[in-house]
PDB file of N, CA and C in Angstrom:
ATOM      1  N   MET A   1       0.814  -1.195   0.000  1.00  0.00           N
ATOM      2  CA  MET A   1       0.000   0.000   0.000  1.00  0.00           C
ATOM      3  C   MET A   1       0.865   1.270   0.000  1.00  0.00           C
ATOM      4  N   THR A   2       2.011   1.188   0.674  1.00  0.00           N
ATOM      5  CA  THR A   2       2.916   2.337   0.723  1.00  0.00           C
ATOM      6  C   THR A   2       3.432   2.685  -0.667  1.00  0.00           C
ATOM      7  N   ARG A   3       3.762   1.664  -1.449  1.00  0.00           N
ATOM      8  CA  ARG A   3       4.256   1.900  -2.808  1.00  0.00           C
ATOM      9  C   ARG A   3       3.205   2.598  -3.649  1.00  0.00           C
ATOM     10  N   LEU A   4       1.947   2.178  -3.531  1.00  0.00           N
ATOM     11  CA  LEU A   4       0.864   2.815  -4.287  1.00  0.00           C
ATOM     12  C   LEU A   4       0.684   4.268  -3.864  1.00  0.00           C
ATOM     13  N   TRP A   5       0.770   4.523  -2.563  1.00  0.00           N
ATOM     14  CA  TRP A   5       0.628   5.888  -2.070  1.00  0.00           C
ATOM     15  C   TRP A   5       1.748   6.781  -2.617  1.00  0.00           C
ATOM     16  N   LYS A   6       2.982   6.269  -2.575  1.00  0.00           N
ATOM     17  CA  LYS A   6       4.113   7.047  -3.096  1.00  0.00           C
ATOM     18  C   LYS A   6       3.973   7.284  -4.605  1.00  0.00           C
ATOM     19  N   ALA A   7       3.490   6.286  -5.319  1.00  0.00           N
ATOM     20  CA  ALA A   7       3.274   6.445  -6.764  1.00  0.00           C
ATOM     21  C   ALA A   7       2.216   7.505  -7.023  1.00  0.00           C
ATOM     22  N   LEU A   8       1.154   7.510  -6.232  1.00  0.00           N
ATOM     23  CA  LEU A   8       0.110   8.526  -6.374  1.00  0.00           C
ATOM     24  C   LEU A   8       0.666   9.918  -6.119  1.00  0.00           C
ATOM     25  N   ILE A   9       1.459  10.062  -5.076  1.00  0.00           N
ATOM     26  CA  ILE A   9       2.063  11.366  -4.752  1.00  0.00           C
ATOM     27  C   ILE A   9       2.974  11.815  -5.891  1.00  0.00           C
ATOM     28  N   ASN A  10       3.788  10.904  -6.438  1.00  0.00           N
ATOM     29  CA  ASN A  10       4.664  11.259  -7.567  1.00  0.00           C
ATOM     30  C   ASN A  10       3.838  11.705  -8.765  1.00  0.00           C
ATOM     31  N   SER A  11       2.747  11.026  -9.030  1.00  0.00           N
ATOM     32  CA  SER A  11       1.888  11.392 -10.161  1.00  0.00           C
ATOM     33  C   SER A  11       1.259  12.763  -9.960  1.00  0.00           C
ATOM     34  N   ILE A  12       0.787  13.016  -8.761  1.00  0.00           N
ATOM     35  CA  ILE A  12       0.202  14.329  -8.456  1.00  0.00           C
ATOM     36  C   ILE A  12       1.261  15.420  -8.583  1.00  0.00           C
ATOM     37  N   ASN A  13       2.468  15.145  -8.104  1.00  0.00           N
ATOM     38  CA  ASN A  13       3.560  16.119  -8.248  1.00  0.00           C
ATOM     39  C   ASN A  13       3.845  16.412  -9.720  1.00  0.00           C
ATOM     40  N   GLY A  14       3.852  15.368 -10.549  1.00  0.00           N
ATOM     41  CA  GLY A  14       4.080  15.565 -11.981  1.00  0.00           C
ATOM     42  C   GLY A  14       2.993  16.400 -12.627  1.00  0.00           C
ATOM     43  N   LEU A  15       1.746  16.097 -12.294  1.00  0.00           N
ATOM     44  CA  LEU A  15       0.631  16.890 -12.838  1.00  0.00           C
ATOM     45  C   LEU A  15       0.713  18.339 -12.376  1.00  0.00           C
ATOM     46  N   ASN A  16       1.021  18.542 -11.101  1.00  0.00           N
ATOM     47  CA  ASN A  16       1.150  19.912 -10.584  1.00  0.00           C
ATOM     48  C   ASN A  16       2.255  20.670 -11.310  1.00  0.00           C
ATOM     49  N   TRP A  17       3.402  20.013 -11.511  1.00  0.00           N
ATOM     50  CA  TRP A  17       4.505  20.682 -12.198  1.00  0.00           C
ATOM     51  C   TRP A  17       4.090  21.057 -13.620  1.00  0.00           C
ATOM     52  N   ALA A  18       3.488  20.110 -14.323  1.00  0.00           N
ATOM     53  CA  ALA A  18       3.077  20.364 -15.708  1.00  0.00           C
ATOM     54  C   ALA A  18       2.051  21.495 -15.782  1.00  0.00           C
ATOM     55  N   MET A  19       1.132  21.522 -14.844  1.00  0.00           N
ATOM     56  CA  MET A  19       0.113  22.577 -14.852  1.00  0.00           C
ATOM     57  C   MET A  19       0.716  23.950 -14.564  1.00  0.00           C
ATOM     58  N   ARG A  20       1.775  23.997 -13.806  1.00  0.00           N
ATOM     59  CA  ARG A  20       2.403  25.284 -13.491  1.00  0.00           C
ATOM     60  C   ARG A  20       3.354  25.765 -14.579  1.00  0.00           C
ATOM     61  N   HIS A  21       3.960  24.833 -15.342  1.00  0.00           N
ATOM     62  CA  HIS A  21       5.054  25.212 -16.226  1.00  0.00           C
ATOM     63  C   HIS A  21       4.818  24.981 -17.719  1.00  0.00           C
ATOM     64  N   GLU A  22       3.842  24.202 -18.093  1.00  0.00           N
ATOM     65  CA  GLU A  22       3.672  23.843 -19.506  1.00  0.00           C
ATOM     66  C   GLU A  22       2.359  24.387 -20.064  1.00  0.00           C
ATOM     67  N   ALA A  23       2.471  25.371 -20.957  1.00  0.00           N
ATOM     68  CA  ALA A  23       1.282  26.001 -21.532  1.00  0.00           C
ATOM     69  C   ALA A  23       0.417  24.987 -22.286  1.00  0.00           C
ATOM     70  N   ALA A  24       1.034  24.063 -23.003  1.00  0.00           N
ATOM     71  CA  ALA A  24       0.264  23.088 -23.771  1.00  0.00           C
ATOM     72  C   ALA A  24      -0.572  22.203 -22.844  1.00  0.00           C
ATOM     73  N   VAL A  25      -0.005  21.788 -21.726  1.00  0.00           N
ATOM     74  CA  VAL A  25      -0.757  20.980 -20.756  1.00  0.00           C
ATOM     75  C   VAL A  25      -1.891  21.813 -20.170  1.00  0.00           C
ATOM     76  N   GLN A  26      -1.614  23.049 -19.837  1.00  0.00           N
ATOM     77  CA  GLN A  26      -2.653  23.929 -19.297  1.00  0.00           C
ATOM     78  C   GLN A  26      -3.812  24.066 -20.282  1.00  0.00           C
ATOM     79  N   GLU A  27      -3.497  24.264 -21.548  1.00  0.00           N
ATOM     80  CA  GLU A  27      -4.544  24.411 -22.575  1.00  0.00           C
ATOM     81  C   GLU A  27      -5.358  23.129 -22.716  1.00  0.00           C
ATOM     82  N   GLU A  28      -4.703  21.990 -22.669  1.00  0.00           N
ATOM     83  CA  GLU A  28      -5.413  20.726 -22.841  1.00  0.00           C
ATOM     84  C   GLU A  28      -6.253  20.384 -21.616  1.00  0.00           C
ATOM     85  N   VAL A  29      -5.816  20.792 -20.445  1.00  0.00           N
ATOM     86  CA  VAL A  29      -6.626  20.591 -19.238  1.00  0.00           C
ATOM     87  C   VAL A  29      -7.862  21.498 -19.296  1.00  0.00           C
ATOM     88  N   VAL A  30      -7.704  22.713 -19.791  1.00  0.00           N
ATOM     89  CA  VAL A  30      -8.866  23.592 -19.984  1.00  0.00           C
ATOM     90  C   VAL A  30      -9.833  22.969 -20.992  1.00  0.00           C
ATOM     91  N   ALA A  31      -9.306  22.423 -22.080  1.00  0.00           N
ATOM     92  CA  ALA A  31     -10.154  21.744 -23.067  1.00  0.00           C
ATOM     93  C   ALA A  31     -10.896  20.574 -22.419  1.00  0.00           C
ATOM     94  N   PHE A  32     -10.214  19.839 -21.547  1.00  0.00           N
ATOM     95  CA  PHE A  32     -10.870  18.732 -20.837  1.00  0.00           C
ATOM     96  C   PHE A  32     -11.968  19.255 -19.911  1.00  0.00           C
ATOM     97  N   ALA A  33     -11.678  20.347 -19.185  1.00  0.00           N
ATOM     98  CA  ALA A  33     -12.652  20.921 -18.258  1.00  0.00           C
ATOM     99  C   ALA A  33     -13.904  21.413 -18.995  1.00  0.00           C
ATOM    100  N   ILE A  34     -13.733  21.896 -20.206  1.00  0.00           N
ATOM    101  CA  ILE A  34     -14.877  22.314 -21.035  1.00  0.00           C
ATOM    102  C   ILE A  34     -15.522  21.097 -21.693  1.00  0.00           C
ATOM    103  N   GLY A  35     -14.698  20.196 -22.166  1.00  0.00           N
ATOM    104  CA  GLY A  35     -15.193  19.036 -22.900  1.00  0.00           C
ATOM    105  C   GLY A  35     -15.948  18.037 -22.050  1.00  0.00           C
ATOM    106  N   LEU A  36     -15.549  17.872 -20.790  1.00  0.00           N
ATOM    107  CA  LEU A  36     -16.220  16.884 -19.941  1.00  0.00           C
ATOM    108  C   LEU A  36     -17.716  17.188 -19.789  1.00  0.00           C
ATOM    109  N   PRO A  37     -18.094  18.388 -19.362  1.00  0.00           N
ATOM    110  CA  PRO A  37     -19.541  18.636 -19.277  1.00  0.00           C
ATOM    111  C   PRO A  37     -20.216  18.656 -20.654  1.00  0.00           C
ATOM    112  N   ALA A  38     -19.507  19.153 -21.669  1.00  0.00           N
ATOM    113  CA  ALA A  38     -20.079  19.180 -23.021  1.00  0.00           C
ATOM    114  C   ALA A  38     -20.327  17.768 -23.538  1.00  0.00           C
ATOM    115  N   SER A  39     -19.494  16.826 -23.115  1.00  0.00           N
ATOM    116  CA  SER A  39     -19.624  15.451 -23.607  1.00  0.00           C
ATOM    117  C   SER A  39     -20.960  14.830 -23.229  1.00  0.00           C
ATOM    118  N   PHE A  40     -21.543  15.253 -22.116  1.00  0.00           N
ATOM    119  CA  PHE A  40     -22.844  14.717 -21.711  1.00  0.00           C
ATOM    120  C   PHE A  40     -23.951  15.139 -22.674  1.00  0.00           C
ATOM    121  N   PHE A  41     -23.780  16.283 -23.326  1.00  0.00           N
ATOM    122  CA  PHE A  41     -24.772  16.762 -24.291  1.00  0.00           C
ATOM    123  C   PHE A  41     -24.488  16.265 -25.700  1.00  0.00           C
ATOM    124  N   VAL A  42     -23.222  16.058 -26.008  1.00  0.00           N
ATOM    125  CA  VAL A  42     -22.828  15.665 -27.364  1.00  0.00           C
ATOM    126  C   VAL A  42     -22.979  14.168 -27.590  1.00  0.00           C
ATOM    127  N   ALA A  43     -22.624  13.376 -26.610  1.00  0.00           N
ATOM    128  CA  ALA A  43     -22.604  11.917 -26.784  1.00  0.00           C
ATOM    129  C   ALA A  43     -24.018  11.369 -26.973  1.00  0.00           C
ATOM    130  N   ALA A  44     -24.179  10.580 -28.026  1.00  0.00           N
ATOM    131  CA  ALA A  44     -25.470   9.955 -28.312  1.00  0.00           C
ATOM    132  C   ALA A  44     -25.644   8.651 -27.537  1.00  0.00           C
ATOM    133  N   SER A  45     -24.553   8.133 -26.966  1.00  0.00           N
ATOM    134  CA  SER A  45     -24.612   6.872 -26.228  1.00  0.00           C
ATOM    135  C   SER A  45     -23.394   6.798 -25.307  1.00  0.00           C
ATOM    136  N   ILE A  46     -23.378   5.781 -24.458  1.00  0.00           N
ATOM    137  CA  ILE A  46     -22.238   5.602 -23.551  1.00  0.00           C
ATOM    138  C   ILE A  46     -20.945   5.348 -24.316  1.00  0.00           C
ATOM    139  N   PRO A  47     -20.935   4.521 -25.365  1.00  0.00           N
ATOM    140  CA  PRO A  47     -19.676   4.373 -26.116  1.00  0.00           C
ATOM    141  C   PRO A  47     -19.175   5.694 -26.717  1.00  0.00           C
ATOM    142  N   TRP A  48     -20.083   6.519 -27.203  1.00  0.00           N
ATOM    143  CA  TRP A  48     -19.666   7.822 -27.726  1.00  0.00           C
ATOM    144  C   TRP A  48     -19.092   8.681 -26.601  1.00  0.00           C
ATOM    145  N   TRP A  49     -19.728   8.642 -25.429  1.00  0.00           N
ATOM    146  CA  TRP A  49     -19.234   9.424 -24.296  1.00  0.00           C
ATOM    147  C   TRP A  49     -17.830   8.979 -23.922  1.00  0.00           C
ATOM    148  N   LEU A  50     -17.621   7.664 -23.860  1.00  0.00           N
ATOM    149  CA  LEU A  50     -16.289   7.142 -23.543  1.00  0.00           C
ATOM    150  C   LEU A  50     -15.257   7.581 -24.577  1.00  0.00           C
ATOM    151  N   ALA A  51     -15.642   7.584 -25.842  1.00  0.00           N
ATOM    152  CA  ALA A  51     -14.720   8.021 -26.901  1.00  0.00           C
ATOM    153  C   ALA A  51     -14.386   9.502 -26.750  1.00  0.00           C
ATOM    154  N   LEU A  52     -15.384  10.321 -26.448  1.00  0.00           N
ATOM    155  CA  LEU A  52     -15.151  11.764 -26.298  1.00  0.00           C
ATOM    156  C   LEU A  52     -14.222  12.051 -25.120  1.00  0.00           C
ATOM    157  N   VAL A  53     -14.557  11.520 -23.963  1.00  0.00           N
ATOM    158  CA  VAL A  53     -13.757  11.774 -22.761  1.00  0.00           C
ATOM    159  C   VAL A  53     -12.397  11.086 -22.879  1.00  0.00           C
ATOM    160  N   GLY A  54     -12.393   9.861 -23.386  1.00  0.00           N
ATOM    161  CA  GLY A  54     -11.134   9.133 -23.548  1.00  0.00           C
ATOM    162  C   GLY A  54     -10.169   9.837 -24.479  1.00  0.00           C
ATOM    163  N   SER A  55     -10.694  10.426 -25.545  1.00  0.00           N
ATOM    164  CA  SER A  55      -9.803  11.125 -26.486  1.00  0.00           C
ATOM    165  C   SER A  55      -9.166  12.352 -25.828  1.00  0.00           C
ATOM    166  N   LEU A  56      -9.919  13.050 -24.992  1.00  0.00           N
ATOM    167  CA  LEU A  56      -9.352  14.207 -24.290  1.00  0.00           C
ATOM    168  C   LEU A  56      -8.304  13.775 -23.261  1.00  0.00           C
ATOM    169  N   LEU A  57      -8.584  12.692 -22.550  1.00  0.00           N
ATOM    170  CA  LEU A  57      -7.599  12.177 -21.588  1.00  0.00           C
ATOM    171  C   LEU A  57      -6.342  11.689 -22.300  1.00  0.00           C
ATOM    172  N   LEU A  58      -6.529  11.001 -23.429  1.00  0.00           N
ATOM    173  CA  LEU A  58      -5.379  10.523 -24.193  1.00  0.00           C
ATOM    174  C   LEU A  58      -4.520  11.689 -24.671  1.00  0.00           C
ATOM    175  N   LEU A  59      -5.158  12.768 -25.075  1.00  0.00           N
ATOM    176  CA  LEU A  59      -4.419  13.950 -25.516  1.00  0.00           C
ATOM    177  C   LEU A  59      -3.535  14.493 -24.389  1.00  0.00           C
ATOM    178  N   ILE A  60      -4.073  14.550 -23.185  1.00  0.00           N
ATOM    179  CA  ILE A  60      -3.285  15.022 -22.039  1.00  0.00           C
ATOM    180  C   ILE A  60      -2.139  14.054 -21.745  1.00  0.00           C
ATOM    181  N   VAL A  61      -2.418  12.762 -21.809  1.00  0.00           N
ATOM    182  CA  VAL A  61      -1.379  11.749 -21.555  1.00  0.00           C
ATOM    183  C   VAL A  61      -0.228  11.892 -22.547  1.00  0.00           C
ATOM    184  N   VAL A  62      -0.556  12.014 -23.822  1.00  0.00           N
ATOM    185  CA  VAL A  62       0.492  12.126 -24.848  1.00  0.00           C
ATOM    186  C   VAL A  62       1.272  13.423 -24.659  1.00  0.00           C
ATOM    187  N   GLU A  63       0.594  14.497 -24.298  1.00  0.00           N
ATOM    188  CA  GLU A  63       1.287  15.765 -24.047  1.00  0.00           C
ATOM    189  C   GLU A  63       2.232  15.644 -22.851  1.00  0.00           C
ATOM    190  N   LEU A  64       1.797  14.958 -21.805  1.00  0.00           N
ATOM    191  CA  LEU A  64       2.672  14.752 -20.645  1.00  0.00           C
ATOM    192  C   LEU A  64       3.903  13.932 -21.024  1.00  0.00           C
ATOM    193  N   LEU A  65       3.708  12.887 -21.814  1.00  0.00           N
ATOM    194  CA  LEU A  65       4.846  12.074 -22.265  1.00  0.00           C
ATOM    195  C   LEU A  65       5.782  12.888 -23.151  1.00  0.00           C
ATOM    196  N   ASN A  66       5.210  13.702 -24.025  1.00  0.00           N
ATOM    197  CA  ASN A  66       6.031  14.557 -24.887  1.00  0.00           C
ATOM    198  C   ASN A  66       6.833  15.546 -24.040  1.00  0.00           C
ATOM    199  N   THR A  67       6.206  16.115 -23.036  1.00  0.00           N
ATOM    200  CA  THR A  67       6.901  17.042 -22.142  1.00  0.00           C
ATOM    201  C   THR A  67       8.032  16.329 -21.415  1.00  0.00           C
ATOM    202  N   ALA A  68       7.778  15.111 -20.949  1.00  0.00           N
ATOM    203  CA  ALA A  68       8.820  14.340 -20.258  1.00  0.00           C
ATOM    204  C   ALA A  68      10.008  14.081 -21.176  1.00  0.00           C
ATOM    205  N   VAL A  69       9.739  13.715 -22.427  1.00  0.00           N
ATOM    206  CA  VAL A  69      10.818  13.461 -23.391  1.00  0.00           C
ATOM    207  C   VAL A  69      11.601  14.749 -23.645  1.00  0.00           C
ATOM    208  N   GLU A  70      10.898  15.872 -23.785  1.00  0.00           N
ATOM    209  CA  GLU A  70      11.588  17.145 -24.034  1.00  0.00           C
ATOM    210  C   GLU A  70      12.462  17.536 -22.846  1.00  0.00           C
ATOM    211  N   LYS A  71      11.932  17.397 -21.636  1.00  0.00           N
ATOM    212  CA  LYS A  71      12.711  17.762 -20.451  1.00  0.00           C
ATOM    213  C   LYS A  71      13.938  16.859 -20.298  1.00  0.00           C
ATOM    214  N   LEU A  72      13.764  15.573 -20.536  1.00  0.00           N
ATOM    215  CA  LEU A  72      14.895  14.652 -20.461  1.00  0.00           C
ATOM    216  C   LEU A  72      15.930  14.989 -21.541  1.00  0.00           C
ATOM    217  N   SER A  73      15.461  15.277 -22.744  1.00  0.00           N
ATOM    218  CA  SER A  73      16.365  15.626 -23.840  1.00  0.00           C
ATOM    219  C   SER A  73      17.170  16.874 -23.506  1.00  0.00           C
ATOM    220  N   ASP A  74      16.504  17.883 -22.939  1.00  0.00           N
ATOM    221  CA  ASP A  74      17.202  19.114 -22.561  1.00  0.00           C
ATOM    222  C   ASP A  74      18.216  18.857 -21.452  1.00  0.00           C
ATOM    223  N   HIS A  75      17.913  17.927 -20.586  1.00  0.00           N
ATOM    224  CA  HIS A  75      18.841  17.596 -19.497  1.00  0.00           C
ATOM    225  C   HIS A  75      20.069  16.850 -20.027  1.00  0.00           C
ATOM    226  N   VAL A  76      19.844  15.949 -20.967  1.00  0.00           N
ATOM    227  CA  VAL A  76      20.940  15.139 -21.519  1.00  0.00           C
ATOM    228  C   VAL A  76      21.912  16.015 -22.287  1.00  0.00           C
ATOM    229  N   THR A  77      21.386  16.905 -23.111  1.00  0.00           N
ATOM    230  CA  THR A  77      22.255  17.797 -23.879  1.00  0.00           C
ATOM    231  C   THR A  77      21.558  19.136 -24.095  1.00  0.00           C
ATOM    232  N   PRO A  78      21.927  20.145 -23.315  1.00  0.00           N
ATOM    233  CA  PRO A  78      21.301  21.461 -23.450  1.00  0.00           C
ATOM    234  C   PRO A  78      21.618  22.151 -24.783  1.00  0.00           C
ATOM    235  N   GLU A  79      22.761  21.823 -25.373  1.00  0.00           N
ATOM    236  CA  GLU A  79      23.102  22.461 -26.657  1.00  0.00           C
ATOM    237  C   GLU A  79      22.340  21.767 -27.795  1.00  0.00           C
ATOM    238  N   HIS A  80      22.293  22.441 -28.925  1.00  0.00           N
ATOM    239  CA  HIS A  80      21.553  21.908 -30.074  1.00  0.00           C
ATOM    240  C   HIS A  80      22.173  20.602 -30.557  1.00  0.00           C
ATOM    241  N   SER A  81      21.277  19.651 -30.823  1.00  0.00           N
ATOM    242  CA  SER A  81      21.703  18.355 -31.341  1.00  0.00           C
ATOM    243  C   SER A  81      20.673  17.896 -32.360  1.00  0.00           C
ATOM    244  N   GLN A  82      21.135  17.470 -33.528  1.00  0.00           N
ATOM    245  CA  GLN A  82      20.211  17.000 -34.562  1.00  0.00           C
ATOM    246  C   GLN A  82      19.457  15.757 -34.089  1.00  0.00           C
ATOM    247  N   ALA A  83      20.116  14.875 -33.359  1.00  0.00           N
ATOM    248  CA  ALA A  83      19.469  13.664 -32.860  1.00  0.00           C
ATOM    249  C   ALA A  83      18.361  14.018 -31.861  1.00  0.00           C
ATOM    250  N   ILE A  84      18.635  14.961 -30.974  1.00  0.00           N
ATOM    251  CA  ILE A  84      17.626  15.396 -30.001  1.00  0.00           C
ATOM    252  C   ILE A  84      16.478  16.101 -30.714  1.00  0.00           C
ATOM    253  N   LYS A  85      16.783  16.868 -31.765  1.00  0.00           N
ATOM    254  CA  LYS A  85      15.727  17.523 -32.541  1.00  0.00           C
ATOM    255  C   LYS A  85      14.770  16.483 -33.117  1.00  0.00           C
ATOM    256  N   VAL A  86      15.303  15.393 -33.624  1.00  0.00           N
ATOM    257  CA  VAL A  86      14.461  14.326 -34.172  1.00  0.00           C
ATOM    258  C   VAL A  86      13.564  13.740 -33.079  1.00  0.00           C
ATOM    259  N   VAL A  87      14.132  13.496 -31.905  1.00  0.00           N
ATOM    260  CA  VAL A  87      13.357  12.953 -30.780  1.00  0.00           C
ATOM    261  C   VAL A  87      12.215  13.902 -30.414  1.00  0.00           C
ATOM    262  N   LYS A  88      12.536  15.189 -30.313  1.00  0.00           N
ATOM    263  CA  LYS A  88      11.511  16.173 -29.965  1.00  0.00           C
ATOM    264  C   LYS A  88      10.458  16.288 -31.067  1.00  0.00           C
ATOM    265  N   ASP A  89      10.880  16.228 -32.320  1.00  0.00           N
ATOM    266  CA  ASP A  89       9.928  16.284 -33.433  1.00  0.00           C
ATOM    267  C   ASP A  89       8.993  15.077 -33.436  1.00  0.00           C
ATOM    268  N   LEU A  90       9.515  13.916 -33.081  1.00  0.00           N
ATOM    269  CA  LEU A  90       8.678  12.719 -32.996  1.00  0.00           C
ATOM    270  C   LEU A  90       7.622  12.866 -31.892  1.00  0.00           C
ATOM    271  N   GLY A  91       8.020  13.412 -30.763  1.00  0.00           N
ATOM    272  CA  GLY A  91       7.060  13.668 -29.687  1.00  0.00           C
ATOM    273  C   GLY A  91       5.999  14.659 -30.114  1.00  0.00           C
ATOM    274  N   SER A  92       6.419  15.687 -30.822  1.00  0.00           N
ATOM    275  CA  SER A  92       5.478  16.680 -31.330  1.00  0.00           C
ATOM    276  C   SER A  92       4.508  16.058 -32.335  1.00  0.00           C
ATOM    277  N   ALA A  93       5.020  15.177 -33.172  1.00  0.00           N
ATOM    278  CA  ALA A  93       4.161  14.492 -34.143  1.00  0.00           C
ATOM    279  C   ALA A  93       3.130  13.620 -33.427  1.00  0.00           C
ATOM    280  N   ALA A  94       3.532  12.984 -32.331  1.00  0.00           N
ATOM    281  CA  ALA A  94       2.591  12.170 -31.558  1.00  0.00           C
ATOM    282  C   ALA A  94       1.463  13.028 -31.005  1.00  0.00           C
ATOM    283  N   VAL A  95       1.797  14.211 -30.510  1.00  0.00           N
ATOM    284  CA  VAL A  95       0.774  15.129 -30.004  1.00  0.00           C
ATOM    285  C   VAL A  95      -0.142  15.564 -31.147  1.00  0.00           C
ATOM    286  N   LEU A  96       0.438  15.908 -32.288  1.00  0.00           N
ATOM    287  CA  LEU A  96      -0.360  16.339 -33.439  1.00  0.00           C
ATOM    288  C   LEU A  96      -1.347  15.257 -33.875  1.00  0.00           C
ATOM    289  N   LEU A  97      -0.889  14.024 -33.974  1.00  0.00           N
ATOM    290  CA  LEU A  97      -1.777  12.940 -34.396  1.00  0.00           C
ATOM    291  C   LEU A  97      -2.869  12.674 -33.359  1.00  0.00           C
ATOM    292  N   THR A  98      -2.527  12.774 -32.090  1.00  0.00           N
ATOM    293  CA  THR A  98      -3.533  12.590 -31.038  1.00  0.00           C
ATOM    294  C   THR A  98      -4.552  13.718 -31.072  1.00  0.00           C
ATOM    295  N   LEU A  99      -4.089  14.933 -31.284  1.00  0.00           N
ATOM    296  CA  LEU A  99      -4.993  16.079 -31.413  1.00  0.00           C
ATOM    297  C   LEU A  99      -5.915  15.915 -32.615  1.00  0.00           C
ATOM    298  N   THR A 100      -5.378  15.432 -33.716  1.00  0.00           N
ATOM    299  CA  THR A 100      -6.185  15.190 -34.921  1.00  0.00           C
ATOM    300  C   THR A 100      -7.243  14.117 -34.654  1.00  0.00           C
ATOM    301  N   GLY A 101      -6.834  13.037 -33.998  1.00  0.00           N
ATOM    302  CA  GLY A 101      -7.784  11.980 -33.656  1.00  0.00           C
ATOM    303  C   GLY A 101      -8.881  12.482 -32.733  1.00  0.00           C
ATOM    304  N   THR A 102      -8.506  13.287 -31.752  1.00  0.00           N
ATOM    305  CA  THR A 102      -9.488  13.863 -30.826  1.00  0.00           C
ATOM    306  C   THR A 102     -10.479  14.739 -31.583  1.00  0.00           C
ATOM    307  N   PHE A 103      -9.976  15.563 -32.478  1.00  0.00           N
ATOM    308  CA  PHE A 103     -10.855  16.413 -33.287  1.00  0.00           C
ATOM    309  C   PHE A 103     -11.820  15.568 -34.111  1.00  0.00           C
ATOM    310  N   LEU A 104     -11.310  14.527 -34.750  1.00  0.00           N
ATOM    311  CA  LEU A 104     -12.170  13.680 -35.588  1.00  0.00           C
ATOM    312  C   LEU A 104     -13.245  12.981 -34.763  1.00  0.00           C
ATOM    313  N   ILE A 105     -12.886  12.492 -33.596  1.00  0.00           N
ATOM    314  CA  ILE A 105     -13.874  11.847 -32.724  1.00  0.00           C
ATOM    315  C   ILE A 105     -14.960  12.839 -32.326  1.00  0.00           C
ATOM    316  N   TRP A 106     -14.574  14.030 -31.936  1.00  0.00           N
ATOM    317  CA  TRP A 106     -15.568  15.037 -31.541  1.00  0.00           C
ATOM    318  C   TRP A 106     -16.416  15.475 -32.732  1.00  0.00           C
ATOM    319  N   ALA A 107     -15.804  15.630 -33.901  1.00  0.00           N
ATOM    320  CA  ALA A 107     -16.566  16.023 -35.094  1.00  0.00           C
ATOM    321  C   ALA A 107     -17.589  14.945 -35.453  1.00  0.00           C
ATOM    322  N   CYS A 108     -17.183  13.686 -35.393  1.00  0.00           N
ATOM    323  CA  CYS A 108     -18.109  12.590 -35.697  1.00  0.00           C
ATOM    324  C   CYS A 108     -19.225  12.512 -34.670  1.00  0.00           C
ATOM    325  N   ALA A 109     -18.890  12.679 -33.404  1.00  0.00           N
ATOM    326  CA  ALA A 109     -19.914  12.634 -32.358  1.00  0.00           C
ATOM    327  C   ALA A 109     -20.920  13.766 -32.526  1.00  0.00           C
ATOM    328  N   LEU A 110     -20.431  14.944 -32.881  1.00  0.00           N
ATOM    329  CA  LEU A 110     -21.344  16.067 -33.126  1.00  0.00           C
ATOM    330  C   LEU A 110     -22.240  15.788 -34.336  1.00  0.00           C
ATOM    331  N   ALA A 111     -21.659  15.218 -35.368  1.00  0.00           N
ATOM    332  CA  ALA A 111     -22.444  14.889 -36.563  1.00  0.00           C
ATOM    333  C   ALA A 111     -23.521  13.857 -36.249  1.00  0.00           C
ATOM    334  N   VAL A 112     -23.161  12.828 -35.503  1.00  0.00           N
ATOM    335  CA  VAL A 112     -24.135  11.781 -35.136  1.00  0.00           C
ATOM    336  C   VAL A 112     -25.247  12.378 -34.265  1.00  0.00           C
ATOM    337  N   ARG A 113     -24.874  13.228 -33.341  1.00  0.00           N
ATOM    338  CA  ARG A 113     -25.856  13.776 -32.392  1.00  0.00           C
ATOM    339  C   ARG A 113     -26.780  14.811 -33.013  1.00  0.00           C
ATOM    340  N   PHE A 114     -26.250  15.674 -33.853  1.00  0.00           N
ATOM    341  CA  PHE A 114     -27.037  16.826 -34.303  1.00  0.00           C
ATOM    342  C   PHE A 114     -27.432  16.802 -35.775  1.00  0.00           C
ATOM    343  N   TRP A 115     -26.893  15.819 -36.557  1.00  0.00           N
ATOM    344  CA  TRP A 115     -27.305  15.748 -37.954  1.00  0.00           C
ATOM    345  C   TRP A 115     -27.787  14.377 -38.214  1.00  0.00           C
TER     346      TRP A 115
END
């Protein structure tokens, strides 16, 4: 039980740090805060609701992982490195694809619900 408690505290610390220092995480948490109540009106069924909320949570998860990779990369080599640039670009691409998927899920859910 102690290990689980410590893991929870570490996770909360990570979320707190990201919310204080990362604009992208802050924006995605705001999107989640708006999207969660909106999802109850948009979702035509429980599976649609899970897809809407899950896509927003996944977006935050991928952004947190991308932030972790960027921070680690900056720690490993603060000076410019082509290899590190590739790593950071890959993380950015992961965020972009997740954002695109989230948009498509929400667009489809809106279409199903209102058209």
